C-alpha atoms as a PDB file:
ATOM      1  CA  MET A   1     -35.890 -36.850   5.460  1.00  0.00           C
ATOM      2  CA  THR A   2     -35.645 -33.104   5.894  1.00  0.00           C
ATOM      3  CA  SER A   3     -32.632 -31.193   4.648  1.00  0.00           C
ATOM      4  CA  PRO A   4     -30.006 -30.155   7.189  1.00  0.00           C
ATOM      5  CA  THR A   5     -30.059 -26.453   8.010  1.00  0.00           C
ATOM      6  CA  CYS A   6     -27.434 -23.873   8.820  1.00  0.00           C
ATOM      7  CA  LEU A   7     -27.717 -20.460  10.422  1.00  0.00           C
ATOM      8  CA  ILE A   8     -25.731 -17.649   8.792  1.00  0.00           C
ATOM      9  CA  ILE A   9     -25.091 -14.768  11.188  1.00  0.00           C
ATOM     10  CA  ASP A  10     -22.989 -12.455   8.987  1.00  0.00           C
ATOM     11  CA  SER A  11     -23.438 -10.786   5.633  1.00  0.00           C
ATOM     12  CA  MET A  12     -22.198 -13.171   2.959  1.00  0.00           C
ATOM     13  CA  HIS A  13     -21.756 -12.998  -0.787  1.00  0.00           C
ATOM     14  CA  GLU A  14     -24.965 -14.105  -2.509  1.00  0.00           C
ATOM     15  CA  SER A  15     -23.139 -16.943  -4.263  1.00  0.00           C
ATOM     16  CA  LEU A  16     -23.206 -18.922  -1.010  1.00  0.00           C
ATOM     17  CA  PHE A  17     -26.926 -19.641  -1.075  1.00  0.00           C
ATOM     18  CA  PRO A  18     -27.183 -21.542  -4.388  1.00  0.00           C
ATOM     19  CA  MET A  19     -23.997 -23.401  -3.459  1.00  0.00           C
ATOM     20  CA  LEU A  20     -25.570 -24.620  -0.208  1.00  0.00           C
ATOM     21  CA  THR A  21     -28.794 -25.542  -1.999  1.00  0.00           C
ATOM     22  CA  ALA A  22     -26.807 -27.546  -4.535  1.00  0.00           C
ATOM     23  CA  ILE A  23     -25.309 -29.737  -1.793  1.00  0.00           C
ATOM     24  CA  GLY A  24     -28.662 -30.257  -0.078  1.00  0.00           C
ATOM     25  CA  TRP A  25     -28.490 -27.711   2.721  1.00  0.00           C
ATOM     26  CA  GLU A  26     -31.057 -25.112   3.676  1.00  0.00           C
ATOM     27  CA  ALA A  27     -29.773 -21.781   4.932  1.00  0.00           C
ATOM     28  CA  VAL A  28     -31.348 -19.185   7.168  1.00  0.00           C
ATOM     29  CA  SER A  29     -29.538 -15.870   6.814  1.00  0.00           C
ATOM     30  CA  LEU A  30     -29.839 -13.372   9.682  1.00  0.00           C
ATOM     31  CA  PRO A  31     -26.988 -10.912   9.061  1.00  0.00           C
ATOM     32  CA  THR A  32     -28.318  -8.315  11.525  1.00  0.00           C
ATOM     33  CA  ILE A  33     -28.862 -10.764  14.365  1.00  0.00           C
ATOM     34  CA  THR A  34     -27.433  -9.723  17.730  1.00  0.00           C
ATOM     35  CA  ARG A  35     -25.330 -11.887  20.005  1.00  0.00           C
ATOM     36  CA  ASP A  36     -28.170 -12.212  22.518  1.00  0.00           C
ATOM     37  CA  GLU A  37     -30.533 -13.290  19.738  1.00  0.00           C
ATOM     38  CA  ILE A  38     -28.081 -15.936  18.536  1.00  0.00           C
ATOM     39  CA  LYS A  39     -28.168 -17.500  22.007  1.00  0.00           C
ATOM     40  CA  THR A  40     -31.798 -18.473  21.532  1.00  0.00           C
ATOM     41  CA  LYS A  41     -32.055 -18.884  17.749  1.00  0.00           C
ATOM     42  CA  HIS A  42     -29.165 -21.332  17.130  1.00  0.00           C
ATOM     43  CA  HIS A  43     -31.026 -24.267  18.664  1.00  0.00           C
ATOM     44  CA  GLY A  44     -32.239 -26.763  16.069  1.00  0.00           C
ATOM     45  CA  PHE A  45     -29.688 -25.814  13.417  1.00  0.00           C
ATOM     46  CA  ASP A  46     -27.110 -28.310  12.171  1.00  0.00           C
ATOM     47  CA  GLY A  47     -24.472 -25.730  11.285  1.00  0.00           C
ATOM     48  CA  LEU A  48     -23.411 -22.160  11.915  1.00  0.00           C
ATOM     49  CA  ILE A  49     -21.621 -19.870   9.450  1.00  0.00           C
ATOM     50  CA  VAL A  50     -19.843 -16.805  10.812  1.00  0.00           C
ATOM     51  CA  ARG A  51     -17.385 -14.237   9.534  1.00  0.00           C
ATOM     52  CA  SER A  52     -16.320 -11.864  12.314  1.00  0.00           C
ATOM     53  CA  LYS A  53     -19.552 -10.832  14.034  1.00  0.00           C
ATOM     54  CA  THR A  54     -18.939 -12.427  17.394  1.00  0.00           C
ATOM     55  CA  THR A  55     -16.999 -15.013  19.365  1.00  0.00           C
ATOM     56  CA  ILE A  56     -18.358 -18.538  19.125  1.00  0.00           C
ATOM     57  CA  ASP A  57     -18.028 -19.968  22.618  1.00  0.00           C
ATOM     58  CA  ARG A  58     -19.802 -21.613  25.530  1.00  0.00           C
ATOM     59  CA  ASP A  59     -21.558 -18.389  26.504  1.00  0.00           C
ATOM     60  CA  LEU A  60     -23.083 -18.190  23.026  1.00  0.00           C
ATOM     61  CA  LEU A  61     -23.997 -21.824  22.350  1.00  0.00           C
ATOM     62  CA  GLY A  62     -24.444 -23.232  25.837  1.00  0.00           C
ATOM     63  CA  GLU A  63     -24.060 -26.778  27.075  1.00  0.00           C
ATOM     64  CA  ASN A  64     -26.338 -28.562  24.601  1.00  0.00           C
ATOM     65  CA  PRO A  65     -25.806 -27.131  21.109  1.00  0.00           C
ATOM     66  CA  THR A  66     -27.399 -28.905  18.157  1.00  0.00           C
ATOM     67  CA  ILE A  67     -24.933 -27.598  15.595  1.00  0.00           C
ATOM     68  CA  LYS A  68     -22.435 -30.073  14.175  1.00  0.00           C
ATOM     69  CA  PHE A  69     -20.049 -27.565  12.657  1.00  0.00           C
ATOM     70  CA  VAL A  70     -19.002 -23.930  12.784  1.00  0.00           C
ATOM     71  CA  ALA A  71     -17.780 -22.606   9.443  1.00  0.00           C
ATOM     72  CA  ARG A  72     -15.619 -19.470   9.500  1.00  0.00           C
ATOM     73  CA  ALA A  73     -15.829 -17.499   6.244  1.00  0.00           C
ATOM     74  CA  GLY A  74     -12.165 -16.589   6.249  1.00  0.00           C
ATOM     75  CA  ALA A  75      -8.750 -17.910   7.152  1.00  0.00           C
ATOM     76  CA  GLY A  76      -8.305 -17.229  10.874  1.00  0.00           C
ATOM     77  CA  ILE A  77     -10.276 -18.893  13.649  1.00  0.00           C
ATOM     78  CA  ASP A  78      -9.277 -16.572  16.499  1.00  0.00           C
ATOM     79  CA  ASN A  79     -12.953 -15.733  17.149  1.00  0.00           C
ATOM     80  CA  LEU A  80     -13.726 -19.408  17.776  1.00  0.00           C
ATOM     81  CA  ASP A  81     -13.273 -21.051  21.178  1.00  0.00           C
ATOM     82  CA  VAL A  82     -11.537 -24.107  19.810  1.00  0.00           C
ATOM     83  CA  GLU A  83     -11.320 -25.929  23.139  1.00  0.00           C
ATOM     84  CA  TYR A  84     -15.048 -25.569  23.774  1.00  0.00           C
ATOM     85  CA  LEU A  85     -16.007 -26.612  20.234  1.00  0.00           C
ATOM     86  CA  HIS A  86     -13.798 -29.703  20.438  1.00  0.00           C
ATOM     87  CA  GLU A  87     -15.326 -30.557  23.825  1.00  0.00           C
ATOM     88  CA  LYS A  88     -18.783 -30.488  22.261  1.00  0.00           C
ATOM     89  CA  GLY A  89     -17.718 -32.478  19.190  1.00  0.00           C
ATOM     90  CA  ILE A  90     -18.432 -29.521  16.900  1.00  0.00           C
ATOM     91  CA  GLN A  91     -16.260 -29.537  13.804  1.00  0.00           C
ATOM     92  CA  ILE A  92     -14.432 -26.381  12.781  1.00  0.00           C
ATOM     93  CA  LEU A  93     -14.287 -25.440   9.125  1.00  0.00           C
ATOM     94  CA  HIS A  94     -12.484 -22.441   7.690  1.00  0.00           C
ATOM     95  CA  ALA A  95     -11.721 -21.177   4.230  1.00  0.00           C
ATOM     96  CA  SER A  96      -8.069 -20.210   4.047  1.00  0.00           C
ATOM     97  CA  GLU A  97      -7.969 -21.690   0.549  1.00  0.00           C
ATOM     98  CA  GLY A  98     -10.491 -19.073  -0.492  1.00  0.00           C
ATOM     99  CA  ASN A  99      -8.356 -15.981  -0.037  1.00  0.00           C
ATOM    100  CA  ARG A 100      -4.823 -17.361  -0.252  1.00  0.00           C
ATOM    101  CA  ASP A 101      -4.424 -16.162  -3.841  1.00  0.00           C
ATOM    102  CA  ALA A 102      -5.560 -12.677  -2.879  1.00  0.00           C
ATOM    103  CA  VAL A 103      -3.136 -12.585   0.058  1.00  0.00           C
ATOM    104  CA  GLY A 104      -0.261 -13.868  -2.063  1.00  0.00           C
ATOM    105  CA  GLU A 105      -0.838 -11.221  -4.727  1.00  0.00           C
ATOM    106  CA  TYR A 106      -1.320  -8.404  -2.218  1.00  0.00           C
ATOM    107  CA  THR A 107       1.847  -9.267  -0.327  1.00  0.00           C
ATOM    108  CA  VAL A 108       3.981  -9.111  -3.447  1.00  0.00           C
ATOM    109  CA  GLY A 109       2.255  -5.948  -4.670  1.00  0.00           C
ATOM    110  CA  ALA A 110       2.533  -4.082  -1.385  1.00  0.00           C
ATOM    111  CA  LEU A 111       6.146  -5.127  -0.969  1.00  0.00           C
ATOM    112  CA  LEU A 112       7.028  -3.870  -4.448  1.00  0.00           C
ATOM    113  CA  SER A 113       5.157  -0.618  -3.766  1.00  0.00           C
ATOM    114  CA  LEU A 114       7.188  -0.068  -0.618  1.00  0.00           C
ATOM    115  CA  MET A 115      10.549  -0.981  -2.124  1.00  0.00           C
ATOM    116  CA  ARG A 116       9.979   1.209  -5.203  1.00  0.00           C
ATOM    117  CA  ASN A 117       8.582   4.159  -3.185  1.00  0.00           C
ATOM    118  CA  ILE A 118       5.383   4.159  -5.234  1.00  0.00           C
ATOM    119  CA  PRO A 119       3.028   5.741  -2.634  1.00  0.00           C
ATOM    120  CA  HIS A 120       5.598   8.428  -1.787  1.00  0.00           C
ATOM    121  CA  ALA A 121       6.365   9.176  -5.441  1.00  0.00           C
ATOM    122  CA  ASP A 122       2.673   9.321  -6.321  1.00  0.00           C
ATOM    123  CA  HIS A 123       2.028  11.788  -3.507  1.00  0.00           C
ATOM    124  CA  GLN A 124       4.909  14.008  -4.608  1.00  0.00           C
ATOM    125  CA  VAL A 125       3.811  14.140  -8.228  1.00  0.00           C
ATOM    126  CA  ARG A 126       0.270  15.050  -7.161  1.00  0.00           C
ATOM    127  CA  GLU A 127       1.818  17.927  -5.219  1.00  0.00           C
ATOM    128  CA  GLY A 128       3.709  19.092  -8.296  1.00  0.00           C
ATOM    129  CA  ILE A 129       7.060  17.626  -7.266  1.00  0.00           C
ATOM    130  CA  TRP A 130       9.014  15.693  -9.899  1.00  0.00           C
ATOM    131  CA  GLU A 131      11.892  14.151  -7.947  1.00  0.00           C
ATOM    132  CA  ARG A 132      13.554  11.047  -9.355  1.00  0.00           C
ATOM    133  CA  GLU A 133      16.562  10.597  -7.096  1.00  0.00           C
ATOM    134  CA  ASP A 134      14.512  11.004  -3.923  1.00  0.00           C
ATOM    135  CA  ASN A 135      12.424   8.052  -5.112  1.00  0.00           C
ATOM    136  CA  ARG A 136      15.184   5.722  -6.245  1.00  0.00           C
ATOM    137  CA  GLY A 137      14.058   2.273  -5.128  1.00  0.00           C
ATOM    138  CA  GLU A 138      15.530  -1.156  -4.723  1.00  0.00           C
ATOM    139  CA  GLU A 139      14.864  -4.457  -6.439  1.00  0.00           C
ATOM    140  CA  LEU A 140      13.283  -7.513  -4.903  1.00  0.00           C
ATOM    141  CA  MET A 141      15.553  -9.745  -6.964  1.00  0.00           C
ATOM    142  CA  GLY A 142      18.302 -11.329  -4.904  1.00  0.00           C
ATOM    143  CA  LYS A 143      16.778 -10.536  -1.514  1.00  0.00           C
ATOM    144  CA  THR A 144      16.294 -13.193   1.145  1.00  0.00           C
ATOM    145  CA  VAL A 145      12.638 -13.385   2.104  1.00  0.00           C
ATOM    146  CA  GLY A 146      11.867 -15.014   5.435  1.00  0.00           C
ATOM    147  CA  ILE A 147       8.371 -16.420   5.774  1.00  0.00           C
ATOM    148  CA  ILE A 148       7.001 -17.334   9.200  1.00  0.00           C
ATOM    149  CA  GLY A 149       4.138 -19.797   8.793  1.00  0.00           C
ATOM    150  CA  TYR A 150       3.995 -22.023   5.731  1.00  0.00           C
ATOM    151  CA  GLY A 151       0.318 -22.830   5.385  1.00  0.00           C
ATOM    152  CA  ASN A 152      -1.984 -21.695   2.603  1.00  0.00           C
ATOM    153  CA  MET A 153      -0.976 -18.032   2.850  1.00  0.00           C
ATOM    154  CA  GLY A 154       2.758 -18.524   3.221  1.00  0.00           C
ATOM    155  CA  ASN A 155       2.818 -20.969   0.338  1.00  0.00           C
ATOM    156  CA  ALA A 156       0.755 -18.667  -1.891  1.00  0.00           C
ATOM    157  CA  PHE A 157       3.213 -15.825  -1.245  1.00  0.00           C
ATOM    158  CA  ALA A 158       6.229 -18.049  -1.894  1.00  0.00           C
ATOM    159  CA  ARG A 159       4.751 -19.222  -5.196  1.00  0.00           C
ATOM    160  CA  ARG A 160       4.380 -15.642  -6.368  1.00  0.00           C
ATOM    161  CA  LEU A 161       7.987 -14.888  -5.499  1.00  0.00           C
ATOM    162  CA  ALA A 162       9.169 -17.625  -7.857  1.00  0.00           C
ATOM    163  CA  GLY A 163       9.721 -15.216 -10.731  1.00  0.00           C
ATOM    164  CA  PHE A 164      11.789 -12.737  -8.697  1.00  0.00           C
ATOM    165  CA  ALA A 165      14.912 -14.853  -8.131  1.00  0.00           C
ATOM    166  CA  CYS A 166      14.675 -14.446  -4.351  1.00  0.00           C
ATOM    167  CA  ASN A 167      16.128 -16.707  -1.713  1.00  0.00           C
ATOM    168  CA  VAL A 168      12.980 -17.805   0.139  1.00  0.00           C
ATOM    169  CA  LEU A 169      13.330 -19.297   3.618  1.00  0.00           C
ATOM    170  CA  ALA A 170      10.293 -20.526   5.539  1.00  0.00           C
ATOM    171  CA  TYR A 171       9.896 -21.364   9.204  1.00  0.00           C
ATOM    172  CA  ASP A 172       6.884 -23.197  10.606  1.00  0.00           C
ATOM    173  CA  LYS A 173       7.001 -24.413  14.187  1.00  0.00           C
ATOM    174  CA  TYR A 174       4.363 -27.062  13.548  1.00  0.00           C
ATOM    175  CA  LYS A 175       5.585 -28.466  10.235  1.00  0.00           C
ATOM    176  CA  SER A 176       8.677 -30.189   8.956  1.00  0.00           C
ATOM    177  CA  GLY A 177       9.893 -31.569   5.663  1.00  0.00           C
ATOM    178  CA  PHE A 178       8.009 -28.958   3.629  1.00  0.00           C
ATOM    179  CA  SER A 179      10.824 -27.601   1.442  1.00  0.00           C
ATOM    180  CA  ASP A 180       9.535 -27.357  -2.107  1.00  0.00           C
ATOM    181  CA  ALA A 181      10.200 -25.616  -5.405  1.00  0.00           C
ATOM    182  CA  TYR A 182       9.263 -22.276  -3.848  1.00  0.00           C
ATOM    183  CA  CYS A 183      11.020 -22.228  -0.474  1.00  0.00           C
ATOM    184  CA  LYS A 184      13.645 -23.830   1.690  1.00  0.00           C
ATOM    185  CA  GLU A 185      12.614 -24.949   5.168  1.00  0.00           C
ATOM    186  CA  ALA A 186      14.712 -23.147   7.778  1.00  0.00           C
ATOM    187  CA  GLY A 187      14.998 -22.655  11.504  1.00  0.00           C
ATOM    188  CA  MET A 188      14.429 -19.283  13.128  1.00  0.00           C
ATOM    189  CA  GLU A 189      18.148 -18.874  13.796  1.00  0.00           C
ATOM    190  CA  GLU A 190      18.796 -19.015  10.050  1.00  0.00           C
ATOM    191  CA  LEU A 191      16.044 -16.467   9.457  1.00  0.00           C
ATOM    192  CA  PHE A 192      17.551 -14.161  12.073  1.00  0.00           C
ATOM    193  CA  VAL A 193      20.866 -14.261  10.195  1.00  0.00           C
ATOM    194  CA  GLU A 194      19.775 -14.198   6.556  1.00  0.00           C
ATOM    195  CA  THR A 195      16.449 -12.335   6.284  1.00  0.00           C
ATOM    196  CA  ASP A 196      16.118  -9.086   4.338  1.00  0.00           C
ATOM    197  CA  ILE A 197      12.305  -9.167   4.227  1.00  0.00           C
ATOM    198  CA  LEU A 198      10.132 -10.792   6.897  1.00  0.00           C
ATOM    199  CA  SER A 199       6.558 -11.775   6.023  1.00  0.00           C
ATOM    200  CA  LEU A 200       4.125 -13.065   8.647  1.00  0.00           C
ATOM    201  CA  HIS A 201       1.587 -15.760   7.767  1.00  0.00           C
ATOM    202  CA  ILE A 202       0.655 -17.226  11.139  1.00  0.00           C
ATOM    203  CA  PRO A 203      -2.650 -17.380  13.026  1.00  0.00           C
ATOM    204  CA  LEU A 204      -3.365 -15.382  16.157  1.00  0.00           C
ATOM    205  CA  THR A 205      -3.058 -17.629  19.204  1.00  0.00           C
ATOM    206  CA  ASN A 206      -1.954 -17.167  22.795  1.00  0.00           C
ATOM    207  CA  GLU A 207       1.474 -18.222  21.564  1.00  0.00           C
ATOM    208  CA  THR A 208       1.716 -15.680  18.737  1.00  0.00           C
ATOM    209  CA  ARG A 209       0.050 -12.681  20.398  1.00  0.00           C
ATOM    210  CA  LYS A 210       2.684  -9.903  20.664  1.00  0.00           C
ATOM    211  CA  LEU A 211       5.269 -12.298  19.223  1.00  0.00           C
ATOM    212  CA  ILE A 212       6.908  -9.473  17.278  1.00  0.00           C
ATOM    213  CA  THR A 213       8.449  -7.101  19.811  1.00  0.00           C
ATOM    214  CA  LEU A 214      11.410  -4.739  19.682  1.00  0.00           C
ATOM    215  CA  ASP A 215      13.619  -7.377  21.300  1.00  0.00           C
ATOM    216  CA  TYR A 216      12.493  -9.925  18.728  1.00  0.00           C
ATOM    217  CA  LEU A 217      13.213  -7.560  15.825  1.00  0.00           C
ATOM    218  CA  LYS A 218      16.661  -6.777  17.222  1.00  0.00           C
ATOM    219  CA  ARG A 219      17.599 -10.431  16.826  1.00  0.00           C
ATOM    220  CA  PHE A 220      17.762 -10.000  13.047  1.00  0.00           C
ATOM    221  CA  ASN A 221      21.292  -9.369  11.818  1.00  0.00           C
ATOM    222  CA  LYS A 222      20.124  -7.108   8.993  1.00  0.00           C
ATOM    223  CA  LYS A 223      17.890  -4.067   8.930  1.00  0.00           C
ATOM    224  CA  ILE A 224      14.727  -5.717   7.686  1.00  0.00           C
ATOM    225  CA  ILE A 225      11.443  -4.951   5.973  1.00  0.00           C
ATOM    226  CA  VAL A 226       8.411  -6.376   7.808  1.00  0.00           C
ATOM    227  CA  VAL A 227       5.143  -7.316   6.099  1.00  0.00           C
ATOM    228  CA  ASN A 228       2.154  -8.267   8.246  1.00  0.00           C
ATOM    229  CA  THR A 229      -0.959  -9.553   6.484  1.00  0.00           C
ATOM    230  CA  ALA A 230      -1.801 -12.039   9.246  1.00  0.00           C
ATOM    231  CA  ARG A 231      -3.248 -10.575  12.445  1.00  0.00           C
ATOM    232  CA  GLY A 232      -2.442  -7.203  13.941  1.00  0.00           C
ATOM    233  CA  GLU A 233      -2.199  -8.468  17.500  1.00  0.00           C
ATOM    234  CA  ILE A 234       0.873 -10.502  16.538  1.00  0.00           C
ATOM    235  CA  VAL A 235       2.895  -7.280  16.275  1.00  0.00           C
ATOM    236  CA  SER A 236       3.265  -4.754  19.095  1.00  0.00           C
ATOM    237  CA  LEU A 237       2.465  -1.429  17.437  1.00  0.00           C
ATOM    238  CA  ALA A 238       4.511   0.491  19.995  1.00  0.00           C
ATOM    239  CA  ASP A 239       7.516  -1.769  19.457  1.00  0.00           C
ATOM    240  CA  MET A 240       7.151  -1.513  15.684  1.00  0.00           C
ATOM    241  CA  ALA A 241       7.225   2.276  15.950  1.00  0.00           C
ATOM    242  CA  GLN A 242      10.408   2.094  18.030  1.00  0.00           C
ATOM    243  CA  ALA A 243      12.007  -0.361  15.600  1.00  0.00           C
ATOM    244  CA  VAL A 244      11.255   1.927  12.646  1.00  0.00           C
ATOM    245  CA  GLN A 245      12.549   4.989  14.505  1.00  0.00           C
ATOM    246  CA  GLN A 246      15.742   3.164  15.454  1.00  0.00           C
ATOM    247  CA  GLY A 247      16.245   1.813  11.930  1.00  0.00           C
ATOM    248  CA  GLN A 248      16.093  -1.865  12.900  1.00  0.00           C
ATOM    249  CA  VAL A 249      13.029  -2.048  10.649  1.00  0.00           C
ATOM    250  CA  ARG A 250      13.785  -0.107   7.483  1.00  0.00           C
ATOM    251  CA  GLY A 251      10.315  -0.480   6.052  1.00  0.00           C
ATOM    252  CA  ALA A 252       6.948  -1.968   6.938  1.00  0.00           C
ATOM    253  CA  VAL A 253       3.697  -2.991   5.275  1.00  0.00           C
ATOM    254  CA  LEU A 254       0.941  -3.197   7.884  1.00  0.00           C
ATOM    255  CA  ASP A 255      -2.355  -4.466   6.512  1.00  0.00           C
ATOM    256  CA  VAL A 256      -3.503  -5.296  10.036  1.00  0.00           C
ATOM    257  CA  LEU A 257      -3.122  -3.499  13.368  1.00  0.00           C
ATOM    258  CA  GLU A 258      -3.360  -4.654  16.958  1.00  0.00           C
ATOM    259  CA  ASN A 259      -6.405  -2.382  17.253  1.00  0.00           C
ATOM    260  CA  GLU A 260      -8.284  -1.863  13.990  1.00  0.00           C
ATOM    261  CA  LYS A 261     -10.907   0.398  15.564  1.00  0.00           C
ATOM    262  CA  LEU A 262      -8.758   3.471  15.122  1.00  0.00           C
ATOM    263  CA  LYS A 263     -10.963   5.750  17.193  1.00  0.00           C
ATOM    264  CA  THR A 264     -10.473   3.495  20.235  1.00  0.00           C
ATOM    265  CA  PHE A 265      -6.670   3.573  20.304  1.00  0.00           C
ATOM    266  CA  THR A 266      -5.069   3.624  23.713  1.00  0.00           C
ATOM    267  CA  VAL A 267      -2.702   6.521  24.364  1.00  0.00           C
ATOM    268  CA  GLU A 268       0.264   4.240  23.626  1.00  0.00           C
ATOM    269  CA  GLN A 269      -1.294   2.954  20.411  1.00  0.00           C
ATOM    270  CA  GLN A 270      -2.098   6.481  19.232  1.00  0.00           C
ATOM    271  CA  GLN A 271       1.442   7.645  19.911  1.00  0.00           C
ATOM    272  CA  ALA A 272       2.865   4.689  17.969  1.00  0.00           C
ATOM    273  CA  PHE A 273       0.463   5.202  15.090  1.00  0.00           C
ATOM    274  CA  ASN A 274       1.320   8.906  14.924  1.00  0.00           C
ATOM    275  CA  ILE A 275       5.000   8.031  14.573  1.00  0.00           C
ATOM    276  CA  LEU A 276       4.431   5.423  11.877  1.00  0.00           C
ATOM    277  CA  ARG A 277       1.966   7.405   9.768  1.00  0.00           C
ATOM    278  CA  GLU A 278       4.553  10.139   9.262  1.00  0.00           C
ATOM    279  CA  LYS A 279       7.041   7.665   7.791  1.00  0.00           C
ATOM    280  CA  THR A 280       7.331   7.297   4.025  1.00  0.00           C
ATOM    281  CA  ASN A 281       8.788   3.803   4.539  1.00  0.00           C
ATOM    282  CA  VAL A 282       5.553   2.505   6.087  1.00  0.00           C
ATOM    283  CA  ILE A 283       2.439   1.479   4.153  1.00  0.00           C
ATOM    284  CA  PHE A 284      -0.910   0.990   5.895  1.00  0.00           C
ATOM    285  CA  THR A 285      -3.983  -0.691   4.402  1.00  0.00           C
ATOM    286  CA  PRO A 286      -7.291  -1.557   6.167  1.00  0.00           C
ATOM    287  CA  HIS A 287      -7.091  -5.381   6.376  1.00  0.00           C
ATOM    288  CA  ILE A 288      -7.607  -5.885   2.629  1.00  0.00           C
ATOM    289  CA  ALA A 289      -4.907  -8.427   1.743  1.00  0.00           C
ATOM    290  CA  GLY A 290      -7.473 -11.199   1.304  1.00  0.00           C
ATOM    291  CA  TRP A 291     -10.301  -8.852   0.321  1.00  0.00           C
ATOM    292  CA  THR A 292     -11.053  -9.183  -3.394  1.00  0.00           C
ATOM    293  CA  PHE A 293     -14.199  -9.727  -5.438  1.00  0.00           C
ATOM    294  CA  GLU A 294     -12.846 -13.124  -6.437  1.00  0.00           C
ATOM    295  CA  SER A 295     -11.956 -14.231  -2.902  1.00  0.00           C
ATOM    296  CA  HIS A 296     -15.499 -13.419  -1.780  1.00  0.00           C
ATOM    297  CA  VAL A 297     -16.712 -16.227  -4.035  1.00  0.00           C
ATOM    298  CA  LYS A 298     -13.737 -18.552  -3.516  1.00  0.00           C
ATOM    299  CA  ILE A 299     -14.327 -18.504   0.248  1.00  0.00           C
ATOM    300  CA  ASN A 300     -17.883 -19.730  -0.331  1.00  0.00           C
ATOM    301  CA  VAL A 301     -16.637 -22.464  -2.656  1.00  0.00           C
ATOM    302  CA  ALA A 302     -14.150 -23.646  -0.019  1.00  0.00           C
ATOM    303  CA  LEU A 303     -16.784 -23.627   2.729  1.00  0.00           C
ATOM    304  CA  THR A 304     -19.412 -25.514   0.759  1.00  0.00           C
ATOM    305  CA  ASP A 305     -16.868 -28.097  -0.360  1.00  0.00           C
ATOM    306  CA  LYS A 306     -16.008 -28.751   3.277  1.00  0.00           C
ATOM    307  CA  ILE A 307     -19.637 -28.800   4.379  1.00  0.00           C
ATOM    308  CA  LYS A 308     -20.397 -31.273   1.603  1.00  0.00           C
ATOM    309  CA  ALA A 309     -17.556 -33.504   2.783  1.00  0.00           C
ATOM    310  CA  LEU A 310     -19.184 -33.619   6.229  1.00  0.00           C
ATOM    311  CA  GLU A 311     -22.193 -35.283   4.627  1.00  0.00           C
ATOM    312  CA  LEU A 312     -20.138 -38.451   4.364  1.00  0.00           C
ATOM    313  CA  THR A 313     -20.140 -38.758   8.153  1.00  0.00           C
ATOM    314  CA  ARG A 314     -23.516 -37.243   9.066  1.00  0.00           C
END
């Protein structure tokens, strides 16, 4: 019996290939393949591994795909047409376990950097300015942290807050009974009342796209800090700029943006970005929360473990 084969259409860490071999799979890696080429080359493969190259949908795979699974090398699956894949009986695998530790660490680190004015203070010292009072920060201890989405990422963040004596509240529309040693399950109304720091850990769906608007942010009783390491399209950039200008949001960490191709900003997006980039209470990073050397390998471990588990039902 020949080994099952998978087509890899993105650049992947080299650790993936011996892992696949070890579980009896053959891999064909075509990281420079175009979308049109995928349409003809995917036939005959048992699996497809993708990162972010293209959308996996009916237009790409057609009506009679041979693949049995699509594995996303990352946490989100917003580039997968879930309805189509379910219709065709194609299993969806993703690797949120692989970068949850990286996201948890980043979220704490970026939040501390913001609250202690580290980027601003560093910039001043480099410019020859030694100003202590201007950079007086605040402590994370005692703050109420509201987490929206309590999956792998939300839980990883909550675990890393355990040593800071925070009050951690978590809301997840699709879960219940998940209070644990690291968080208390709460409704959104409680988050609106109690939250000092809001951290987003939800996937991008039709339901969550532009969820965070100015009106939404105004529902919080306190002037809050917002951290987004999830997906940029969840937060309206224009509304975030207004909320920061008006003081409803007193600080923000934005690792993701609604448009991450900065040179293709709309006029509205550019105006909002121009406002935010002048603010010392806003930190930007280029979608790196889950982007570590270790997570590169851990993602492959998570994917191969899940592919191996499929062997039980092949």
